[in-house]
Amino acid sequence: MDLNLIESAINKLQNDSFLSLETTPTRSSNINNILDSIDKFNLHNKLDAFSTTDNPLSKLKYSALISAYKIQEKFKKPTLCTVSMRDRNIIALQSDLLGANDLNVRMMLSLTGDPANMSDQKNAKAVLEGNSLKFLDIVNSFNDGVDLMGNEILEAPKKTYAFSVTNSYAKDYKRLQKKISKKIERNTTAIITQAIFSEREADIMSDIFNEEVAKFNDERGKCKLIYGFFPVTSYRTSLFLKNNVPGMHMSDEWLNEMENASKISSDQENETGFELSKKMLNYLYKKEKRVHIMTSNHFELASSLIDTIKDR
């Protein structure tokens, strides 16, 4: 187990560049399909890190924590484990964090989670003993060698790095700014945005983040902004994201171009989507040098787009 693997990734995030790819475990008893795809498209040699999702849309999937461990061990690439506050009380959260620490899965992404009423598990109920800020409090406690109640942990955990998320669009950016500030204040290592589809929104998010992080001249000032990026190569997907994903804003330019291309042919639709995605990815990477790619396990598309990044 390479304990320095995580610290090397954090150092690169804070001082250089950072490119990560989301993986989504399926409803299966293993993640061999994901491991095979990463290997097939040589993604472990193109990226700085991976991430694993935690039952997105409240649908039953393979464990995010075990997925993160398996990917990290096989490819020797740090893997960010998503933790949904929806599914765990503070006992389970801390228990998972202890186990993850032992496995050297020490990059954790906390989020509230999609509503339980979206689940494919009938009558599933959300736990929600706190939001992502509560998870940051837990991580801070662990990094001080105690649990959330202040009780000493027998063998002090290795340092855990907590990542957070933010919407990429809001009608009230002041409110969004306050939420970002609270996460920086609680020592989050980095903040990942929802997928961004316009240069203007990328610029706004960068300005908001930089204004807030500049207020801290201690360790918190090392927090970094990571742009979320979701390549879209079909008009149908564009409409779905526009109408169904809160905090994400599909630009009119993107929608119009995809709609026009879809009326010509599926090949034209795919080509147009790829060119729009390539342009957006390159803009985001050039601006911040830190991008988190989400493709719903479309690993070939991810690989092709990564190959277009200039100065990588």
C-alpha atoms as a PDB file:
ATOM      1  CA  MET A   1       0.000   0.000   0.000  1.00  0.00           C
ATOM      2  CA  ASP A   2       1.576   3.280  -1.133  1.00  0.00           C
ATOM      3  CA  LEU A   3       0.654   5.739   1.632  1.00  0.00           C
ATOM      4  CA  ASN A   4       2.271   8.618  -0.259  1.00  0.00           C
ATOM      5  CA  LEU A   5      -0.042   8.093  -3.222  1.00  0.00           C
ATOM      6  CA  ILE A   6      -2.675  10.407  -1.756  1.00  0.00           C
ATOM      7  CA  GLU A   7      -0.296  13.150  -0.620  1.00  0.00           C
ATOM      8  CA  SER A   8       1.315  13.193  -4.072  1.00  0.00           C
ATOM      9  CA  ALA A   9      -2.100  13.711  -5.665  1.00  0.00           C
ATOM     10  CA  ILE A  10      -2.999  16.516  -3.247  1.00  0.00           C
ATOM     11  CA  ASN A  11       0.331  18.216  -3.906  1.00  0.00           C
ATOM     12  CA  LYS A  12      -0.315  18.075  -7.652  1.00  0.00           C
ATOM     13  CA  LEU A  13      -3.830  19.423  -7.142  1.00  0.00           C
ATOM     14  CA  GLN A  14      -2.591  22.348  -5.075  1.00  0.00           C
ATOM     15  CA  ASN A  15       0.519  23.246  -7.036  1.00  0.00           C
ATOM     16  CA  ASP A  16       0.145  22.030 -10.601  1.00  0.00           C
ATOM     17  CA  SER A  17      -2.822  20.578 -12.507  1.00  0.00           C
ATOM     18  CA  PHE A  18      -5.468  17.959 -11.819  1.00  0.00           C
ATOM     19  CA  LEU A  19      -7.611  15.882 -14.155  1.00  0.00           C
ATOM     20  CA  SER A  20      -9.989  13.279 -12.746  1.00  0.00           C
ATOM     21  CA  LEU A  21     -12.676  10.982 -14.119  1.00  0.00           C
ATOM     22  CA  GLU A  22     -15.895   9.842 -12.475  1.00  0.00           C
ATOM     23  CA  THR A  23     -16.788   6.153 -12.510  1.00  0.00           C
ATOM     24  CA  THR A  24     -20.252   4.867 -11.668  1.00  0.00           C
ATOM     25  CA  PRO A  25     -20.488   1.347 -10.196  1.00  0.00           C
ATOM     26  CA  THR A  26     -23.373  -0.636 -11.623  1.00  0.00           C
ATOM     27  CA  ARG A  27     -25.983  -2.878  -9.975  1.00  0.00           C
ATOM     28  CA  SER A  28     -23.603  -5.806  -9.936  1.00  0.00           C
ATOM     29  CA  SER A  29     -21.610  -7.917  -7.506  1.00  0.00           C
ATOM     30  CA  ASN A  30     -18.322  -6.659  -8.994  1.00  0.00           C
ATOM     31  CA  ILE A  31     -16.834  -3.724 -10.939  1.00  0.00           C
ATOM     32  CA  ASN A  32     -14.897  -5.748 -13.500  1.00  0.00           C
ATOM     33  CA  ASN A  33     -16.519  -3.853 -16.374  1.00  0.00           C
ATOM     34  CA  ILE A  34     -15.129  -0.574 -15.043  1.00  0.00           C
ATOM     35  CA  LEU A  35     -11.673  -1.991 -14.348  1.00  0.00           C
ATOM     36  CA  ASP A  36     -11.528  -3.519 -17.827  1.00  0.00           C
ATOM     37  CA  SER A  37     -12.614  -0.269 -19.504  1.00  0.00           C
ATOM     38  CA  ILE A  38     -10.051   1.818 -17.634  1.00  0.00           C
ATOM     39  CA  ASP A  39      -7.376  -0.615 -18.747  1.00  0.00           C
ATOM     40  CA  LYS A  40      -8.660  -0.849 -22.333  1.00  0.00           C
ATOM     41  CA  PHE A  41      -8.549   2.908 -22.917  1.00  0.00           C
ATOM     42  CA  ASN A  42      -5.364   3.435 -20.910  1.00  0.00           C
ATOM     43  CA  LEU A  43      -7.152   5.990 -18.744  1.00  0.00           C
ATOM     44  CA  HIS A  44      -4.950   5.366 -15.713  1.00  0.00           C
ATOM     45  CA  ASN A  45      -2.048   6.838 -17.677  1.00  0.00           C
ATOM     46  CA  LYS A  46      -4.043   9.872 -18.844  1.00  0.00           C
ATOM     47  CA  LEU A  47      -5.468  10.992 -15.507  1.00  0.00           C
ATOM     48  CA  ASP A  48      -4.384  12.146 -12.074  1.00  0.00           C
ATOM     49  CA  ALA A  49      -7.276  10.496 -10.227  1.00  0.00           C
ATOM     50  CA  PHE A  50     -10.584   8.662 -10.472  1.00  0.00           C
ATOM     51  CA  SER A  51     -13.770   9.002  -8.450  1.00  0.00           C
ATOM     52  CA  THR A  52     -16.588   6.606  -7.586  1.00  0.00           C
ATOM     53  CA  THR A  53     -20.230   7.627  -7.223  1.00  0.00           C
ATOM     54  CA  ASP A  54     -22.461   6.631  -4.299  1.00  0.00           C
ATOM     55  CA  ASN A  55     -25.857   5.340  -5.507  1.00  0.00           C
ATOM     56  CA  PRO A  56     -26.635   8.301  -7.805  1.00  0.00           C
ATOM     57  CA  LEU A  57     -30.346   9.067  -8.366  1.00  0.00           C
ATOM     58  CA  SER A  58     -30.886   6.911  -5.254  1.00  0.00           C
ATOM     59  CA  LYS A  59     -30.535   3.786  -7.402  1.00  0.00           C
ATOM     60  CA  LEU A  60     -28.913   0.685  -5.907  1.00  0.00           C
ATOM     61  CA  LYS A  61     -25.296   0.264  -7.051  1.00  0.00           C
ATOM     62  CA  TYR A  62     -22.108  -1.506  -5.966  1.00  0.00           C
ATOM     63  CA  SER A  63     -20.314   0.088  -3.003  1.00  0.00           C
ATOM     64  CA  ALA A  64     -18.530   3.362  -3.757  1.00  0.00           C
ATOM     65  CA  LEU A  65     -15.970   2.689  -1.030  1.00  0.00           C
ATOM     66  CA  ILE A  66     -15.006  -0.784  -2.221  1.00  0.00           C
ATOM     67  CA  SER A  67     -14.941   0.491  -5.806  1.00  0.00           C
ATOM     68  CA  ALA A  68     -12.543   3.260  -4.825  1.00  0.00           C
ATOM     69  CA  TYR A  69     -10.272   0.779  -3.062  1.00  0.00           C
ATOM     70  CA  LYS A  70     -10.235  -1.646  -5.998  1.00  0.00           C
ATOM     71  CA  ILE A  71      -9.502   1.039  -8.607  1.00  0.00           C
ATOM     72  CA  GLN A  72      -6.811   2.597  -6.461  1.00  0.00           C
ATOM     73  CA  GLU A  73      -5.109  -0.714  -5.760  1.00  0.00           C
ATOM     74  CA  LYS A  74      -5.211  -1.989  -9.339  1.00  0.00           C
ATOM     75  CA  PHE A  75      -4.036   1.156 -11.105  1.00  0.00           C
ATOM     76  CA  LYS A  76      -2.087   2.907  -8.335  1.00  0.00           C
ATOM     77  CA  LYS A  77      -4.117   6.033  -8.954  1.00  0.00           C
ATOM     78  CA  PRO A  78      -5.756   7.936  -6.092  1.00  0.00           C
ATOM     79  CA  THR A  79      -9.511   7.503  -6.119  1.00  0.00           C
ATOM     80  CA  LEU A  80     -12.008   9.937  -4.687  1.00  0.00           C
ATOM     81  CA  CYS A  81     -14.800   8.136  -2.836  1.00  0.00           C
ATOM     82  CA  THR A  82     -18.209   9.818  -2.849  1.00  0.00           C
ATOM     83  CA  VAL A  83     -20.212   9.683   0.376  1.00  0.00           C
ATOM     84  CA  SER A  84     -23.930  10.462   0.338  1.00  0.00           C
ATOM     85  CA  MET A  85     -25.373  11.982   3.502  1.00  0.00           C
ATOM     86  CA  ARG A  86     -28.741  10.618   2.377  1.00  0.00           C
ATOM     87  CA  ASP A  87     -27.965   7.034   3.313  1.00  0.00           C
ATOM     88  CA  ARG A  88     -26.013   7.142   6.589  1.00  0.00           C
ATOM     89  CA  ASN A  89     -26.333   8.412  10.122  1.00  0.00           C
ATOM     90  CA  ILE A  90     -23.302   9.811  11.939  1.00  0.00           C
ATOM     91  CA  ILE A  91     -22.383   6.367  13.298  1.00  0.00           C
ATOM     92  CA  ALA A  92     -22.268   4.775   9.833  1.00  0.00           C
ATOM     93  CA  LEU A  93     -20.487   7.807   8.352  1.00  0.00           C
ATOM     94  CA  GLN A  94     -17.707   7.619  10.905  1.00  0.00           C
ATOM     95  CA  SER A  95     -17.502   3.844  10.669  1.00  0.00           C
ATOM     96  CA  ASP A  96     -17.058   4.025   6.890  1.00  0.00           C
ATOM     97  CA  LEU A  97     -14.458   6.742   7.323  1.00  0.00           C
ATOM     98  CA  LEU A  98     -12.424   4.568   9.708  1.00  0.00           C
ATOM     99  CA  GLY A  99     -12.541   1.633   7.306  1.00  0.00           C
ATOM    100  CA  ALA A 100     -11.653   3.819   4.332  1.00  0.00           C
ATOM    101  CA  ASN A 101      -8.682   5.203   6.242  1.00  0.00           C
ATOM    102  CA  ASP A 102      -7.348   1.707   6.871  1.00  0.00           C
ATOM    103  CA  LEU A 103      -7.618   0.985   3.124  1.00  0.00           C
ATOM    104  CA  ASN A 104      -5.821   4.280   2.301  1.00  0.00           C
ATOM    105  CA  VAL A 105      -8.941   5.650   0.622  1.00  0.00           C
ATOM    106  CA  ARG A 106      -8.437   9.118   2.055  1.00  0.00           C
ATOM    107  CA  MET A 107      -9.888  11.430  -0.572  1.00  0.00           C
ATOM    108  CA  MET A 108     -13.600  11.719   0.184  1.00  0.00           C
ATOM    109  CA  LEU A 109     -16.289  13.692  -1.654  1.00  0.00           C
ATOM    110  CA  SER A 110     -19.350  14.479   0.452  1.00  0.00           C
ATOM    111  CA  LEU A 111     -22.728  15.471  -0.912  1.00  0.00           C
ATOM    112  CA  THR A 112     -26.317  15.443   0.292  1.00  0.00           C
ATOM    113  CA  GLY A 113     -27.473  12.941  -2.341  1.00  0.00           C
ATOM    114  CA  ASP A 114     -30.461  12.761  -4.658  1.00  0.00           C
ATOM    115  CA  PRO A 115     -33.932  12.457  -3.071  1.00  0.00           C
ATOM    116  CA  ALA A 116     -34.803   8.994  -1.759  1.00  0.00           C
ATOM    117  CA  ASN A 117     -38.189   9.098  -3.512  1.00  0.00           C
ATOM    118  CA  MET A 118     -36.294   8.674  -6.802  1.00  0.00           C
ATOM    119  CA  SER A 119     -35.049   5.271  -5.656  1.00  0.00           C
ATOM    120  CA  ASP A 120     -35.709   1.935  -7.336  1.00  0.00           C
ATOM    121  CA  GLN A 121     -35.975   0.480  -3.820  1.00  0.00           C
ATOM    122  CA  LYS A 122     -39.617   0.866  -2.811  1.00  0.00           C
ATOM    123  CA  ASN A 123     -40.270   2.924   0.333  1.00  0.00           C
ATOM    124  CA  ALA A 124     -36.589   3.768   0.786  1.00  0.00           C
ATOM    125  CA  LYS A 125     -36.151   6.636   3.226  1.00  0.00           C
ATOM    126  CA  ALA A 126     -33.409   9.210   3.555  1.00  0.00           C
ATOM    127  CA  VAL A 127     -31.419   9.402   6.788  1.00  0.00           C
ATOM    128  CA  LEU A 128     -29.958  12.906   6.413  1.00  0.00           C
ATOM    129  CA  GLU A 129     -28.593  13.549   9.886  1.00  0.00           C
ATOM    130  CA  GLY A 130     -26.773  16.483   8.377  1.00  0.00           C
ATOM    131  CA  ASN A 131     -25.615  17.979   5.105  1.00  0.00           C
ATOM    132  CA  SER A 132     -22.155  17.960   3.562  1.00  0.00           C
ATOM    133  CA  LEU A 133     -20.986  20.499   6.163  1.00  0.00           C
ATOM    134  CA  LYS A 134     -21.548  17.851   8.844  1.00  0.00           C
ATOM    135  CA  PHE A 135     -19.251  15.507   6.951  1.00  0.00           C
ATOM    136  CA  LEU A 136     -16.565  18.198   6.854  1.00  0.00           C
ATOM    137  CA  ASP A 137     -16.915  18.492  10.631  1.00  0.00           C
ATOM    138  CA  ILE A 138     -16.432  14.725  10.960  1.00  0.00           C
ATOM    139  CA  VAL A 139     -13.309  14.791   8.791  1.00  0.00           C
ATOM    140  CA  ASN A 140     -11.869  17.695  10.781  1.00  0.00           C
ATOM    141  CA  SER A 141     -12.470  15.739  13.991  1.00  0.00           C
ATOM    142  CA  PHE A 142     -10.782  12.628  12.592  1.00  0.00           C
ATOM    143  CA  ASN A 143      -7.800  14.685  11.458  1.00  0.00           C
ATOM    144  CA  ASP A 144      -7.511  15.842  15.076  1.00  0.00           C
ATOM    145  CA  GLY A 145      -7.543  12.225  16.261  1.00  0.00           C
ATOM    146  CA  VAL A 146     -11.045  12.244  17.749  1.00  0.00           C
ATOM    147  CA  ASP A 147     -14.562  11.324  16.663  1.00  0.00           C
ATOM    148  CA  LEU A 148     -17.374  13.829  16.174  1.00  0.00           C
ATOM    149  CA  MET A 149     -18.170  13.717  19.900  1.00  0.00           C
ATOM    150  CA  GLY A 150     -14.564  14.411  20.867  1.00  0.00           C
ATOM    151  CA  ASN A 151     -13.732  10.847  21.923  1.00  0.00           C
ATOM    152  CA  GLU A 152     -10.157   9.809  21.206  1.00  0.00           C
ATOM    153  CA  ILE A 153      -9.679   7.294  18.379  1.00  0.00           C
ATOM    154  CA  LEU A 154      -7.419   4.432  19.538  1.00  0.00           C
ATOM    155  CA  GLU A 155      -5.029   4.666  16.614  1.00  0.00           C
ATOM    156  CA  ALA A 156      -5.115   8.143  15.098  1.00  0.00           C
ATOM    157  CA  PRO A 157      -6.253   8.024  11.448  1.00  0.00           C
ATOM    158  CA  LYS A 158      -4.033   9.112   8.617  1.00  0.00           C
ATOM    159  CA  LYS A 159      -5.053  12.484   7.225  1.00  0.00           C
ATOM    160  CA  THR A 160      -8.273  12.486   5.213  1.00  0.00           C
ATOM    161  CA  TYR A 161      -8.851  15.058   2.455  1.00  0.00           C
ATOM    162  CA  ALA A 162     -12.479  16.130   2.111  1.00  0.00           C
ATOM    163  CA  PHE A 163     -13.764  17.431  -1.215  1.00  0.00           C
ATOM    164  CA  SER A 164     -17.063  19.291  -1.690  1.00  0.00           C
ATOM    165  CA  VAL A 165     -19.447  20.155  -4.518  1.00  0.00           C
ATOM    166  CA  THR A 166     -21.249  23.301  -5.601  1.00  0.00           C
ATOM    167  CA  ASN A 167     -23.879  24.226  -8.145  1.00  0.00           C
ATOM    168  CA  SER A 168     -22.451  25.862 -11.242  1.00  0.00           C
ATOM    169  CA  TYR A 169     -25.411  28.164 -11.826  1.00  0.00           C
ATOM    170  CA  ALA A 170     -27.746  30.142  -9.580  1.00  0.00           C
ATOM    171  CA  LYS A 171     -30.287  32.911  -9.828  1.00  0.00           C
ATOM    172  CA  ASP A 172     -28.810  34.289  -6.617  1.00  0.00           C
ATOM    173  CA  TYR A 173     -25.017  34.031  -6.793  1.00  0.00           C
ATOM    174  CA  LYS A 174     -24.615  35.727  -3.393  1.00  0.00           C
ATOM    175  CA  ARG A 175     -26.307  32.758  -1.753  1.00  0.00           C
ATOM    176  CA  LEU A 176     -24.124  30.357  -3.700  1.00  0.00           C
ATOM    177  CA  GLN A 177     -21.069  32.344  -2.635  1.00  0.00           C
ATOM    178  CA  LYS A 178     -22.009  31.993   1.040  1.00  0.00           C
ATOM    179  CA  LYS A 179     -22.291  28.215   0.672  1.00  0.00           C
ATOM    180  CA  ILE A 180     -18.864  28.062  -0.938  1.00  0.00           C
ATOM    181  CA  SER A 181     -17.398  30.177   1.859  1.00  0.00           C
ATOM    182  CA  LYS A 182     -18.770  27.836   4.555  1.00  0.00           C
ATOM    183  CA  LYS A 183     -17.091  24.866   2.887  1.00  0.00           C
ATOM    184  CA  ILE A 184     -13.742  26.631   2.553  1.00  0.00           C
ATOM    185  CA  GLU A 185     -14.004  27.709   6.192  1.00  0.00           C
ATOM    186  CA  ARG A 186     -14.385  24.037   7.193  1.00  0.00           C
ATOM    187  CA  ASN A 187     -11.127  23.052   5.503  1.00  0.00           C
ATOM    188  CA  THR A 188     -12.438  21.443   2.342  1.00  0.00           C
ATOM    189  CA  THR A 189      -9.519  20.506   0.092  1.00  0.00           C
ATOM    190  CA  ALA A 190     -11.276  21.391  -3.156  1.00  0.00           C
ATOM    191  CA  ILE A 191     -14.701  22.298  -4.479  1.00  0.00           C
ATOM    192  CA  ILE A 192     -16.012  20.586  -7.603  1.00  0.00           C
ATOM    193  CA  THR A 193     -18.675  22.396  -9.603  1.00  0.00           C
ATOM    194  CA  GLN A 194     -21.674  20.895 -11.295  1.00  0.00           C
ATOM    195  CA  ALA A 195     -21.037  20.497 -15.020  1.00  0.00           C
ATOM    196  CA  ILE A 196     -20.421  23.807 -16.791  1.00  0.00           C
ATOM    197  CA  PHE A 197     -21.573  24.460 -20.353  1.00  0.00           C
ATOM    198  CA  SER A 198     -20.585  28.064 -21.013  1.00  0.00           C
ATOM    199  CA  GLU A 199     -17.425  30.115 -20.721  1.00  0.00           C
ATOM    200  CA  ARG A 200     -19.353  32.876 -18.955  1.00  0.00           C
ATOM    201  CA  GLU A 201     -20.458  30.548 -16.160  1.00  0.00           C
ATOM    202  CA  ALA A 202     -16.928  29.201 -15.824  1.00  0.00           C
ATOM    203  CA  ASP A 203     -15.668  32.762 -15.399  1.00  0.00           C
ATOM    204  CA  ILE A 204     -18.350  33.618 -12.826  1.00  0.00           C
ATOM    205  CA  MET A 205     -17.580  30.528 -10.741  1.00  0.00           C
ATOM    206  CA  SER A 206     -13.867  31.287 -10.847  1.00  0.00           C
ATOM    207  CA  ASP A 207     -14.414  34.890  -9.721  1.00  0.00           C
ATOM    208  CA  ILE A 208     -16.722  33.841  -6.860  1.00  0.00           C
ATOM    209  CA  PHE A 209     -14.340  31.146  -5.656  1.00  0.00           C
ATOM    210  CA  ASN A 210     -11.223  33.302  -5.856  1.00  0.00           C
ATOM    211  CA  GLU A 211     -12.918  36.079  -3.914  1.00  0.00           C
ATOM    212  CA  GLU A 212     -13.792  33.697  -1.094  1.00  0.00           C
ATOM    213  CA  VAL A 213     -10.569  31.696  -0.887  1.00  0.00           C
ATOM    214  CA  ALA A 214      -8.529  34.913  -0.804  1.00  0.00           C
ATOM    215  CA  LYS A 215     -10.035  35.641   2.638  1.00  0.00           C
ATOM    216  CA  PHE A 216      -8.013  32.808   4.198  1.00  0.00           C
ATOM    217  CA  ASN A 217      -4.259  33.031   4.645  1.00  0.00           C
ATOM    218  CA  ASP A 218      -3.850  29.695   6.422  1.00  0.00           C
ATOM    219  CA  GLU A 219      -4.185  26.100   5.192  1.00  0.00           C
ATOM    220  CA  ARG A 220      -7.728  26.848   4.002  1.00  0.00           C
ATOM    221  CA  GLY A 221      -6.322  29.234   1.428  1.00  0.00           C
ATOM    222  CA  LYS A 222      -4.905  26.225  -0.416  1.00  0.00           C
ATOM    223  CA  CYS A 223      -8.420  25.089  -1.361  1.00  0.00           C
ATOM    224  CA  LYS A 224      -8.806  24.740  -5.134  1.00  0.00           C
ATOM    225  CA  LEU A 225     -11.674  25.009  -7.600  1.00  0.00           C
ATOM    226  CA  ILE A 226     -12.221  22.018  -9.876  1.00  0.00           C
ATOM    227  CA  TYR A 227     -14.525  22.525 -12.841  1.00  0.00           C
ATOM    228  CA  GLY A 228     -17.089  19.806 -13.421  1.00  0.00           C
ATOM    229  CA  PHE A 229     -17.396  18.776 -17.071  1.00  0.00           C
ATOM    230  CA  PHE A 230     -19.998  16.541 -18.716  1.00  0.00           C
ATOM    231  CA  PRO A 231     -19.563  15.936 -22.465  1.00  0.00           C
ATOM    232  CA  VAL A 232     -22.886  15.858 -24.300  1.00  0.00           C
ATOM    233  CA  THR A 233     -23.140  14.393 -27.791  1.00  0.00           C
ATOM    234  CA  SER A 234     -26.920  14.122 -28.200  1.00  0.00           C
ATOM    235  CA  TYR A 235     -29.746  16.640 -28.195  1.00  0.00           C
ATOM    236  CA  ARG A 236     -31.875  14.331 -26.048  1.00  0.00           C
ATOM    237  CA  THR A 237     -29.227  14.299 -23.303  1.00  0.00           C
ATOM    238  CA  SER A 238     -28.916  18.077 -23.528  1.00  0.00           C
ATOM    239  CA  LEU A 239     -32.637  18.452 -22.873  1.00  0.00           C
ATOM    240  CA  PHE A 240     -32.527  15.970 -19.992  1.00  0.00           C
ATOM    241  CA  LEU A 241     -29.740  17.876 -18.260  1.00  0.00           C
ATOM    242  CA  LYS A 242     -31.491  21.190 -18.802  1.00  0.00           C
ATOM    243  CA  ASN A 243     -34.808  19.989 -17.384  1.00  0.00           C
ATOM    244  CA  ASN A 244     -33.826  17.499 -14.702  1.00  0.00           C
ATOM    245  CA  VAL A 245     -30.538  18.432 -13.015  1.00  0.00           C
ATOM    246  CA  PRO A 246     -30.756  21.216 -10.415  1.00  0.00           C
ATOM    247  CA  GLY A 247     -27.879  23.673 -10.260  1.00  0.00           C
ATOM    248  CA  MET A 248     -26.787  22.913 -13.817  1.00  0.00           C
ATOM    249  CA  HIS A 249     -27.440  25.269 -16.716  1.00  0.00           C
ATOM    250  CA  MET A 250     -27.302  24.046 -20.296  1.00  0.00           C
ATOM    251  CA  SER A 251     -26.440  27.055 -22.472  1.00  0.00           C
ATOM    252  CA  ASP A 252     -28.840  28.129 -25.231  1.00  0.00           C
ATOM    253  CA  GLU A 253     -25.974  28.073 -27.724  1.00  0.00           C
ATOM    254  CA  TRP A 254     -25.241  24.418 -26.947  1.00  0.00           C
ATOM    255  CA  LEU A 255     -28.917  23.451 -27.089  1.00  0.00           C
ATOM    256  CA  ASN A 256     -29.525  25.222 -30.390  1.00  0.00           C
ATOM    257  CA  GLU A 257     -26.495  23.701 -32.071  1.00  0.00           C
ATOM    258  CA  MET A 258     -27.405  20.212 -30.860  1.00  0.00           C
ATOM    259  CA  GLU A 259     -31.009  20.608 -31.973  1.00  0.00           C
ATOM    260  CA  ASN A 260     -29.980  21.754 -35.455  1.00  0.00           C
ATOM    261  CA  ALA A 261     -27.461  18.922 -35.785  1.00  0.00           C
ATOM    262  CA  SER A 262     -30.028  16.331 -34.687  1.00  0.00           C
ATOM    263  CA  LYS A 263     -32.267  17.372 -37.585  1.00  0.00           C
ATOM    264  CA  ILE A 264     -29.522  16.537 -40.069  1.00  0.00           C
ATOM    265  CA  SER A 265     -28.357  13.092 -38.921  1.00  0.00           C
ATOM    266  CA  SER A 266     -27.213  11.160 -35.869  1.00  0.00           C
ATOM    267  CA  ASP A 267     -23.627  11.324 -37.150  1.00  0.00           C
ATOM    268  CA  GLN A 268     -23.829  15.105 -37.419  1.00  0.00           C
ATOM    269  CA  GLU A 269     -25.374  15.270 -33.950  1.00  0.00           C
ATOM    270  CA  ASN A 270     -22.525  13.231 -32.474  1.00  0.00           C
ATOM    271  CA  GLU A 271     -19.862  15.218 -34.331  1.00  0.00           C
ATOM    272  CA  THR A 272     -21.329  18.545 -33.229  1.00  0.00           C
ATOM    273  CA  GLY A 273     -21.582  17.393 -29.627  1.00  0.00           C
ATOM    274  CA  PHE A 274     -17.998  16.185 -29.642  1.00  0.00           C
ATOM    275  CA  GLU A 275     -16.714  19.511 -31.018  1.00  0.00           C
ATOM    276  CA  LEU A 276     -18.708  21.511 -28.459  1.00  0.00           C
ATOM    277  CA  SER A 277     -17.455  19.240 -25.677  1.00  0.00           C
ATOM    278  CA  LYS A 278     -13.858  19.464 -26.870  1.00  0.00           C
ATOM    279  CA  LYS A 279     -14.017  23.258 -26.967  1.00  0.00           C
ATOM    280  CA  MET A 280     -15.537  23.472 -23.475  1.00  0.00           C
ATOM    281  CA  LEU A 281     -13.083  20.994 -21.938  1.00  0.00           C
ATOM    282  CA  ASN A 282     -10.114  22.850 -23.354  1.00  0.00           C
ATOM    283  CA  TYR A 283     -11.439  26.191 -22.108  1.00  0.00           C
ATOM    284  CA  LEU A 284     -11.970  24.851 -18.586  1.00  0.00           C
ATOM    285  CA  TYR A 285      -8.586  23.167 -18.450  1.00  0.00           C
ATOM    286  CA  LYS A 286      -6.745  26.208 -19.755  1.00  0.00           C
ATOM    287  CA  LYS A 287      -8.466  28.499 -17.230  1.00  0.00           C
ATOM    288  CA  GLU A 288      -7.992  26.496 -14.013  1.00  0.00           C
ATOM    289  CA  LYS A 289      -5.896  23.417 -14.961  1.00  0.00           C
ATOM    290  CA  ARG A 290      -8.284  21.403 -12.805  1.00  0.00           C
ATOM    291  CA  VAL A 291     -11.227  19.501 -14.296  1.00  0.00           C
ATOM    292  CA  HIS A 292     -13.395  16.600 -13.128  1.00  0.00           C
ATOM    293  CA  ILE A 293     -14.898  14.688 -16.072  1.00  0.00           C
ATOM    294  CA  MET A 294     -18.255  12.919 -15.772  1.00  0.00           C
ATOM    295  CA  THR A 295     -19.359  10.678 -18.647  1.00  0.00           C
ATOM    296  CA  SER A 296     -21.732   8.075 -17.124  1.00  0.00           C
ATOM    297  CA  ASN A 297     -19.113   5.388 -17.825  1.00  0.00           C
ATOM    298  CA  HIS A 298     -18.659   6.367 -21.489  1.00  0.00           C
ATOM    299  CA  PHE A 299     -14.954   5.704 -21.154  1.00  0.00           C
ATOM    300  CA  GLU A 300     -14.116   5.725 -24.859  1.00  0.00           C
ATOM    301  CA  LEU A 301     -15.599   9.221 -25.164  1.00  0.00           C
ATOM    302  CA  ALA A 302     -13.663  10.345 -22.101  1.00  0.00           C
ATOM    303  CA  SER A 303     -10.427   8.987 -23.548  1.00  0.00           C
ATOM    304  CA  SER A 304     -10.968  10.673 -26.919  1.00  0.00           C
ATOM    305  CA  LEU A 305     -11.707  14.038 -25.318  1.00  0.00           C
ATOM    306  CA  ILE A 306      -8.736  13.862 -22.941  1.00  0.00           C
ATOM    307  CA  ASP A 307      -6.498  13.313 -25.968  1.00  0.00           C
ATOM    308  CA  THR A 308      -7.634  16.706 -27.341  1.00  0.00           C
ATOM    309  CA  ILE A 309      -6.474  18.717 -24.316  1.00  0.00           C
ATOM    310  CA  LYS A 310      -3.692  21.083 -25.283  1.00  0.00           C
ATOM    311  CA  ASP A 311      -0.610  21.520 -23.107  1.00  0.00           C
ATOM    312  CA  ARG A 312      -1.480  18.441 -21.081  1.00  0.00           C
END
